[in-house]
Amino acid sequence: MLEVKSPIPADGLTIADAARRTGVSAHTLRYYERAGLVVTRVDRTSGGRRRYRQLDLDWIKICTKLRATGMPIKTIRRYANLVAAGRGNEPERLALLEEHRADVLARLAKLQENLTLIDRKIGVYRGRLEAGDADGLWAPGRPG
């Protein structure tokens, strides 16, 4: 079921609410800000408490997806700096994302290769169990 989120209040969301909406911890939100991964300055109350807008949440979701696909913090920071700088550097942004995509595809290919081996082993075990001769499977220290 699709979760419907209430609109963001005019004064923004607290860090706890932003954490819930983005799926990351408050600690991670603070870290992203300190590490220079946020493209806009997060608003603050007069008491210094962070208040997050929709733009902040959207950007944090982008950062978490890039990180989840293995992009290093340093590269996310570089991308964030390019975005924050505004127009005129789109070819650099594109190149950065295309390079990351190539890295992700290479890792996916390796994972697929590993999954193929696992599937083959599962097939061997199922076949031997169905045939009733699983005791013939190799085991270390046992004569074959």
N, C-alpha and C. Protein backbone atom coordinates (compact mmCIF):
# COMPACT_ATOMS: atom_id res chain seq x y z
N MET A 1 0.84 -1.18 0.00
CA MET A 1 0.00 0.00 0.00
C MET A 1 0.89 1.24 0.00
N LEU A 2 0.54 2.23 -0.80
CA LEU A 2 1.30 3.46 -0.91
C LEU A 2 0.99 4.36 0.26
N GLU A 3 2.04 4.82 0.94
CA GLU A 3 1.87 5.69 2.09
C GLU A 3 1.69 7.12 1.61
N VAL A 4 0.61 7.77 2.05
CA VAL A 4 0.37 9.16 1.71
C VAL A 4 0.92 10.01 2.83
N LYS A 5 1.81 10.93 2.47
CA LYS A 5 2.43 11.78 3.48
C LYS A 5 1.72 13.12 3.52
N SER A 6 1.55 13.62 4.73
CA SER A 6 0.91 14.92 4.87
C SER A 6 1.84 16.01 4.34
N PRO A 7 1.26 17.13 3.92
CA PRO A 7 2.10 18.21 3.40
C PRO A 7 3.06 18.72 4.48
N ILE A 8 4.15 19.27 4.01
CA ILE A 8 5.14 19.82 4.94
C ILE A 8 4.62 21.17 5.43
N PRO A 9 4.65 21.38 6.75
CA PRO A 9 4.18 22.66 7.29
C PRO A 9 5.00 23.83 6.73
N ALA A 10 4.42 25.02 6.74
CA ALA A 10 5.08 26.21 6.21
C ALA A 10 6.42 26.48 6.89
N ASP A 11 6.52 26.13 8.18
CA ASP A 11 7.79 26.37 8.89
C ASP A 11 8.75 25.19 8.79
N GLY A 12 8.43 24.20 7.95
CA GLY A 12 9.32 23.07 7.74
C GLY A 12 9.12 21.96 8.75
N LEU A 13 9.90 20.90 8.57
CA LEU A 13 9.83 19.72 9.45
C LEU A 13 10.98 19.73 10.44
N THR A 14 10.73 19.16 11.58
CA THR A 14 11.81 18.97 12.56
C THR A 14 12.76 17.91 12.01
N ILE A 15 13.92 17.80 12.63
CA ILE A 15 14.88 16.80 12.19
C ILE A 15 14.33 15.38 12.38
N ALA A 16 13.55 15.17 13.45
CA ALA A 16 12.95 13.85 13.69
C ALA A 16 11.95 13.51 12.58
N ASP A 17 11.12 14.48 12.21
CA ASP A 17 10.14 14.24 11.15
C ASP A 17 10.83 14.05 9.80
N ALA A 18 11.87 14.82 9.54
CA ALA A 18 12.62 14.69 8.29
C ALA A 18 13.29 13.31 8.23
N ALA A 19 13.80 12.86 9.36
CA ALA A 19 14.43 11.53 9.42
C ALA A 19 13.40 10.46 9.09
N ARG A 20 12.22 10.56 9.66
CA ARG A 20 11.16 9.58 9.39
C ARG A 20 10.79 9.59 7.90
N ARG A 21 10.67 10.76 7.33
CA ARG A 21 10.24 10.85 5.91
C ARG A 21 11.31 10.38 4.93
N THR A 22 12.56 10.55 5.30
CA THR A 22 13.64 10.17 4.37
C THR A 22 14.16 8.77 4.63
N GLY A 23 13.86 8.21 5.80
CA GLY A 23 14.33 6.87 6.12
C GLY A 23 15.76 6.83 6.62
N VAL A 24 16.32 7.97 6.98
CA VAL A 24 17.66 8.00 7.56
C VAL A 24 17.57 8.56 8.97
N SER A 25 18.60 8.36 9.75
CA SER A 25 18.59 8.82 11.13
C SER A 25 18.86 10.33 11.21
N ALA A 26 18.50 10.91 12.33
CA ALA A 26 18.82 12.32 12.58
C ALA A 26 20.33 12.53 12.53
N HIS A 27 21.07 11.56 13.03
CA HIS A 27 22.53 11.63 12.99
C HIS A 27 23.02 11.73 11.54
N THR A 28 22.44 10.92 10.65
CA THR A 28 22.82 10.95 9.24
C THR A 28 22.48 12.30 8.61
N LEU A 29 21.33 12.85 8.95
CA LEU A 29 20.96 14.17 8.42
C LEU A 29 21.99 15.23 8.84
N ARG A 30 22.38 15.19 10.10
CA ARG A 30 23.40 16.15 10.58
C ARG A 30 24.73 15.91 9.86
N TYR A 31 25.08 14.64 9.69
CA TYR A 31 26.34 14.30 9.01
C TYR A 31 26.32 14.81 7.57
N TYR A 32 25.23 14.57 6.84
CA TYR A 32 25.13 15.03 5.46
C TYR A 32 25.36 16.54 5.38
N GLU A 33 24.80 17.25 6.32
CA GLU A 33 24.98 18.71 6.34
C GLU A 33 26.44 19.08 6.62
N ARG A 34 27.02 18.46 7.65
CA ARG A 34 28.43 18.74 7.99
C ARG A 34 29.38 18.37 6.87
N ALA A 35 29.08 17.28 6.18
CA ALA A 35 29.97 16.77 5.14
C ALA A 35 29.84 17.53 3.82
N GLY A 36 28.94 18.49 3.77
CA GLY A 36 28.79 19.28 2.56
C GLY A 36 28.01 18.58 1.47
N LEU A 37 27.09 17.71 1.86
CA LEU A 37 26.32 16.96 0.87
C LEU A 37 24.97 17.59 0.56
N VAL A 38 24.60 18.61 1.31
CA VAL A 38 23.30 19.25 1.14
C VAL A 38 23.48 20.46 0.22
N VAL A 39 22.62 20.59 -0.77
CA VAL A 39 22.80 21.63 -1.79
C VAL A 39 22.27 23.00 -1.39
N THR A 40 21.37 23.04 -0.44
CA THR A 40 20.87 24.32 0.06
C THR A 40 21.12 24.37 1.56
N ARG A 41 21.13 25.56 2.07
CA ARG A 41 21.31 25.70 3.51
C ARG A 41 20.00 25.31 4.21
N VAL A 42 20.09 24.38 5.14
CA VAL A 42 18.90 23.95 5.89
C VAL A 42 18.49 25.09 6.81
N ASP A 43 17.20 25.43 6.74
CA ASP A 43 16.68 26.52 7.58
C ASP A 43 16.84 26.16 9.05
N ARG A 44 16.88 27.19 9.87
CA ARG A 44 16.96 27.02 11.33
C ARG A 44 15.92 27.91 12.00
N THR A 45 15.45 27.47 13.15
CA THR A 45 14.56 28.30 13.96
C THR A 45 15.42 29.33 14.68
N SER A 46 14.78 30.26 15.35
CA SER A 46 15.53 31.27 16.12
C SER A 46 16.35 30.60 17.22
N GLY A 47 15.92 29.41 17.63
CA GLY A 47 16.65 28.65 18.64
C GLY A 47 17.74 27.76 18.05
N GLY A 48 17.93 27.80 16.73
CA GLY A 48 18.99 27.04 16.08
C GLY A 48 18.60 25.62 15.67
N ARG A 49 17.34 25.25 15.82
CA ARG A 49 16.91 23.91 15.43
C ARG A 49 16.65 23.85 13.92
N ARG A 50 17.09 22.75 13.32
CA ARG A 50 16.94 22.58 11.88
C ARG A 50 15.47 22.44 11.51
N ARG A 51 15.12 22.99 10.34
CA ARG A 51 13.79 22.85 9.76
C ARG A 51 13.96 22.50 8.29
N TYR A 52 13.41 21.36 7.91
CA TYR A 52 13.61 20.83 6.57
C TYR A 52 12.42 21.11 5.66
N ARG A 53 12.72 21.52 4.45
CA ARG A 53 11.72 21.80 3.40
C ARG A 53 11.69 20.61 2.43
N GLN A 54 10.71 20.61 1.52
CA GLN A 54 10.59 19.53 0.55
C GLN A 54 11.86 19.39 -0.29
N LEU A 55 12.44 20.49 -0.70
CA LEU A 55 13.68 20.45 -1.49
C LEU A 55 14.78 19.72 -0.73
N ASP A 56 14.88 19.98 0.57
CA ASP A 56 15.89 19.30 1.40
C ASP A 56 15.64 17.79 1.41
N LEU A 57 14.38 17.41 1.61
CA LEU A 57 14.03 15.98 1.67
C LEU A 57 14.31 15.29 0.34
N ASP A 58 13.95 15.96 -0.75
CA ASP A 58 14.19 15.38 -2.08
C ASP A 58 15.69 15.17 -2.30
N TRP A 59 16.48 16.16 -1.92
CA TRP A 59 17.93 16.04 -2.12
C TRP A 59 18.52 14.94 -1.24
N ILE A 60 18.06 14.84 0.00
CA ILE A 60 18.56 13.81 0.91
C ILE A 60 18.25 12.42 0.35
N LYS A 61 17.08 12.26 -0.25
CA LYS A 61 16.72 10.98 -0.87
C LYS A 61 17.67 10.66 -2.02
N ILE A 62 18.03 11.67 -2.80
CA ILE A 62 19.00 11.46 -3.89
C ILE A 62 20.33 11.00 -3.30
N CYS A 63 20.79 11.69 -2.27
CA CYS A 63 22.07 11.32 -1.64
C CYS A 63 22.04 9.90 -1.11
N THR A 64 20.94 9.50 -0.48
CA THR A 64 20.87 8.15 0.07
C THR A 64 20.87 7.10 -1.04
N LYS A 65 20.24 7.41 -2.16
CA LYS A 65 20.24 6.46 -3.29
C LYS A 65 21.64 6.36 -3.89
N LEU A 66 22.31 7.49 -4.04
CA LEU A 66 23.67 7.47 -4.57
C LEU A 66 24.58 6.68 -3.64
N ARG A 67 24.43 6.91 -2.35
CA ARG A 67 25.27 6.21 -1.35
C ARG A 67 24.95 4.71 -1.36
N ALA A 68 23.66 4.37 -1.45
CA ALA A 68 23.25 2.96 -1.45
C ALA A 68 23.78 2.22 -2.66
N THR A 69 24.06 2.94 -3.74
CA THR A 69 24.61 2.31 -4.94
C THR A 69 26.13 2.39 -4.97
N GLY A 70 26.72 2.76 -3.83
CA GLY A 70 28.17 2.69 -3.70
C GLY A 70 28.93 3.95 -4.05
N MET A 71 28.24 5.06 -4.29
CA MET A 71 28.97 6.29 -4.60
C MET A 71 29.68 6.77 -3.33
N PRO A 72 30.98 7.03 -3.42
CA PRO A 72 31.71 7.53 -2.24
C PRO A 72 31.21 8.92 -1.81
N ILE A 73 31.31 9.19 -0.53
CA ILE A 73 30.92 10.49 0.02
C ILE A 73 31.61 11.62 -0.73
N LYS A 74 32.89 11.45 -1.02
CA LYS A 74 33.66 12.47 -1.73
C LYS A 74 33.01 12.80 -3.09
N THR A 75 32.53 11.79 -3.79
CA THR A 75 31.91 12.00 -5.09
C THR A 75 30.53 12.63 -4.94
N ILE A 76 29.77 12.21 -3.92
CA ILE A 76 28.47 12.84 -3.66
C ILE A 76 28.69 14.31 -3.35
N ARG A 77 29.72 14.62 -2.58
CA ARG A 77 30.03 16.02 -2.25
C ARG A 77 30.35 16.80 -3.52
N ARG A 78 31.14 16.19 -4.41
CA ARG A 78 31.47 16.85 -5.67
C ARG A 78 30.21 17.12 -6.49
N TYR A 79 29.33 16.13 -6.55
CA TYR A 79 28.07 16.29 -7.26
C TYR A 79 27.23 17.40 -6.61
N ALA A 80 27.13 17.38 -5.29
CA ALA A 80 26.36 18.40 -4.57
C ALA A 80 26.92 19.80 -4.84
N ASN A 81 28.23 19.91 -4.87
CA ASN A 81 28.84 21.21 -5.15
C ASN A 81 28.51 21.68 -6.57
N LEU A 82 28.51 20.76 -7.51
CA LEU A 82 28.16 21.12 -8.88
C LEU A 82 26.71 21.59 -8.96
N VAL A 83 25.81 20.85 -8.30
CA VAL A 83 24.40 21.22 -8.31
C VAL A 83 24.22 22.58 -7.63
N ALA A 84 24.85 22.76 -6.49
CA ALA A 84 24.72 24.02 -5.75
C ALA A 84 25.28 25.20 -6.53
N ALA A 85 26.27 24.96 -7.38
CA ALA A 85 26.86 26.04 -8.16
C ALA A 85 25.90 26.57 -9.23
N GLY A 86 24.89 25.79 -9.57
CA GLY A 86 23.88 26.25 -10.52
C GLY A 86 24.19 25.88 -11.95
N ARG A 87 23.60 26.62 -12.85
CA ARG A 87 23.70 26.32 -14.28
C ARG A 87 25.12 26.44 -14.81
N GLY A 88 25.34 25.70 -15.91
CA GLY A 88 26.61 25.82 -16.62
C GLY A 88 27.55 24.65 -16.44
N ASN A 89 27.26 23.76 -15.49
CA ASN A 89 28.15 22.62 -15.28
C ASN A 89 27.43 21.28 -15.52
N GLU A 90 26.36 21.32 -16.25
CA GLU A 90 25.57 20.12 -16.50
C GLU A 90 26.39 19.01 -17.16
N PRO A 91 27.29 19.33 -18.11
CA PRO A 91 28.11 18.24 -18.68
C PRO A 91 28.96 17.52 -17.62
N GLU A 92 29.46 18.27 -16.64
CA GLU A 92 30.24 17.63 -15.56
C GLU A 92 29.35 16.74 -14.70
N ARG A 93 28.15 17.21 -14.42
CA ARG A 93 27.22 16.40 -13.62
C ARG A 93 26.88 15.12 -14.36
N LEU A 94 26.61 15.26 -15.66
CA LEU A 94 26.28 14.10 -16.48
C LEU A 94 27.43 13.10 -16.48
N ALA A 95 28.64 13.58 -16.67
CA ALA A 95 29.81 12.69 -16.70
C ALA A 95 29.96 11.96 -15.37
N LEU A 96 29.78 12.67 -14.28
CA LEU A 96 29.89 12.06 -12.95
C LEU A 96 28.85 10.95 -12.79
N LEU A 97 27.61 11.22 -13.19
CA LEU A 97 26.56 10.22 -13.05
C LEU A 97 26.76 9.04 -14.01
N GLU A 98 27.24 9.31 -15.22
CA GLU A 98 27.49 8.22 -16.16
C GLU A 98 28.62 7.32 -15.66
N GLU A 99 29.63 7.92 -15.07
CA GLU A 99 30.73 7.12 -14.51
C GLU A 99 30.22 6.25 -13.37
N HIS A 100 29.39 6.83 -12.51
CA HIS A 100 28.84 6.06 -11.40
C HIS A 100 27.94 4.93 -11.92
N ARG A 101 27.15 5.22 -12.93
CA ARG A 101 26.28 4.20 -13.52
C ARG A 101 27.10 3.03 -14.05
N ALA A 102 28.20 3.33 -14.71
CA ALA A 102 29.08 2.27 -15.23
C ALA A 102 29.62 1.42 -14.08
N ASP A 103 30.00 2.07 -12.98
CA ASP A 103 30.48 1.33 -11.81
C ASP A 103 29.38 0.42 -11.24
N VAL A 104 28.16 0.95 -11.15
CA VAL A 104 27.04 0.17 -10.63
C VAL A 104 26.76 -1.02 -11.54
N LEU A 105 26.77 -0.80 -12.84
CA LEU A 105 26.54 -1.90 -13.79
C LEU A 105 27.61 -2.97 -13.67
N ALA A 106 28.86 -2.57 -13.48
CA ALA A 106 29.94 -3.56 -13.32
C ALA A 106 29.72 -4.38 -12.05
N ARG A 107 29.32 -3.73 -10.97
CA ARG A 107 29.06 -4.46 -9.72
C ARG A 107 27.86 -5.39 -9.87
N LEU A 108 26.83 -4.90 -10.58
CA LEU A 108 25.66 -5.75 -10.83
C LEU A 108 26.04 -6.99 -11.64
N ALA A 109 26.89 -6.82 -12.63
CA ALA A 109 27.32 -7.96 -13.45
C ALA A 109 28.06 -8.98 -12.59
N LYS A 110 28.92 -8.49 -11.70
CA LYS A 110 29.65 -9.39 -10.81
C LYS A 110 28.68 -10.10 -9.86
N LEU A 111 27.72 -9.37 -9.33
CA LEU A 111 26.71 -9.98 -8.47
C LEU A 111 25.91 -11.03 -9.23
N GLN A 112 25.56 -10.74 -10.47
CA GLN A 112 24.81 -11.70 -11.27
C GLN A 112 25.63 -12.97 -11.50
N GLU A 113 26.93 -12.80 -11.74
CA GLU A 113 27.83 -13.94 -11.90
C GLU A 113 27.85 -14.78 -10.62
N ASN A 114 27.93 -14.13 -9.48
CA ASN A 114 27.92 -14.84 -8.20
C ASN A 114 26.59 -15.52 -7.95
N LEU A 115 25.50 -14.85 -8.31
CA LEU A 115 24.17 -15.43 -8.14
C LEU A 115 24.01 -16.67 -9.02
N THR A 116 24.58 -16.65 -10.21
CA THR A 116 24.52 -17.81 -11.10
C THR A 116 25.18 -19.02 -10.44
N LEU A 117 26.33 -18.81 -9.79
CA LEU A 117 27.00 -19.89 -9.08
C LEU A 117 26.12 -20.42 -7.94
N ILE A 118 25.51 -19.51 -7.19
CA ILE A 118 24.64 -19.93 -6.09
C ILE A 118 23.45 -20.73 -6.62
N ASP A 119 22.85 -20.26 -7.72
CA ASP A 119 21.73 -20.99 -8.31
C ASP A 119 22.16 -22.38 -8.77
N ARG A 120 23.35 -22.47 -9.33
CA ARG A 120 23.87 -23.79 -9.76
C ARG A 120 24.02 -24.72 -8.56
N LYS A 121 24.57 -24.21 -7.47
CA LYS A 121 24.74 -25.03 -6.26
C LYS A 121 23.38 -25.45 -5.70
N ILE A 122 22.42 -24.55 -5.70
CA ILE A 122 21.07 -24.90 -5.23
C ILE A 122 20.50 -26.03 -6.09
N GLY A 123 20.69 -25.93 -7.39
CA GLY A 123 20.21 -26.97 -8.30
C GLY A 123 20.84 -28.32 -8.00
N VAL A 124 22.14 -28.32 -7.71
CA VAL A 124 22.84 -29.57 -7.37
C VAL A 124 22.24 -30.17 -6.09
N TYR A 125 22.07 -29.35 -5.07
CA TYR A 125 21.52 -29.85 -3.80
C TYR A 125 20.10 -30.36 -3.98
N ARG A 126 19.26 -29.60 -4.69
CA ARG A 126 17.88 -30.06 -4.91
C ARG A 126 17.86 -31.39 -5.66
N GLY A 127 18.67 -31.46 -6.72
CA GLY A 127 18.72 -32.68 -7.51
C GLY A 127 19.16 -33.88 -6.68
N ARG A 128 20.19 -33.69 -5.89
CA ARG A 128 20.69 -34.80 -5.06
C ARG A 128 19.70 -35.20 -3.98
N LEU A 129 19.03 -34.19 -3.38
CA LEU A 129 18.04 -34.50 -2.35
C LEU A 129 16.85 -35.25 -2.95
N GLU A 130 16.40 -34.81 -4.12
CA GLU A 130 15.28 -35.48 -4.79
C GLU A 130 15.65 -36.90 -5.21
N ALA A 131 16.91 -37.09 -5.61
CA ALA A 131 17.36 -38.42 -6.03
C ALA A 131 17.68 -39.31 -4.84
N GLY A 132 17.74 -38.74 -3.66
CA GLY A 132 18.02 -39.53 -2.47
C GLY A 132 19.49 -39.87 -2.28
N ASP A 133 20.38 -39.16 -2.97
CA ASP A 133 21.82 -39.47 -2.80
C ASP A 133 22.62 -38.23 -2.38
N ALA A 134 22.00 -37.40 -1.51
CA ALA A 134 22.69 -36.20 -1.04
C ALA A 134 23.93 -36.54 -0.22
N ASP A 135 23.98 -37.75 0.32
CA ASP A 135 25.16 -38.14 1.10
C ASP A 135 26.39 -38.25 0.21
N GLY A 136 26.20 -38.20 -1.09
CA GLY A 136 27.31 -38.25 -2.01
C GLY A 136 27.91 -36.88 -2.30
N LEU A 137 27.34 -35.86 -1.72
CA LEU A 137 27.89 -34.51 -1.91
C LEU A 137 29.22 -34.38 -1.17
N TRP A 138 30.10 -33.58 -1.74
CA TRP A 138 31.42 -33.39 -1.16
C TRP A 138 31.34 -32.75 0.22
N ALA A 139 32.16 -33.25 1.12
CA ALA A 139 32.28 -32.66 2.47
C ALA A 139 33.76 -32.70 2.83
N PRO A 140 34.31 -31.62 3.39
CA PRO A 140 35.73 -31.61 3.75
C PRO A 140 36.07 -32.70 4.75
N GLY A 141 37.21 -33.30 4.56
CA GLY A 141 37.68 -34.31 5.51
C GLY A 141 37.05 -35.67 5.37
N ARG A 142 36.13 -35.81 4.43
CA ARG A 142 35.48 -37.09 4.18
C ARG A 142 35.97 -37.67 2.88
N PRO A 143 36.29 -38.92 2.89
CA PRO A 143 36.69 -39.51 1.59
C PRO A 143 35.53 -39.48 0.61
N GLY A 144 35.82 -39.13 -0.64
CA GLY A 144 34.78 -39.03 -1.66
C GLY A 144 34.43 -40.29 -2.19
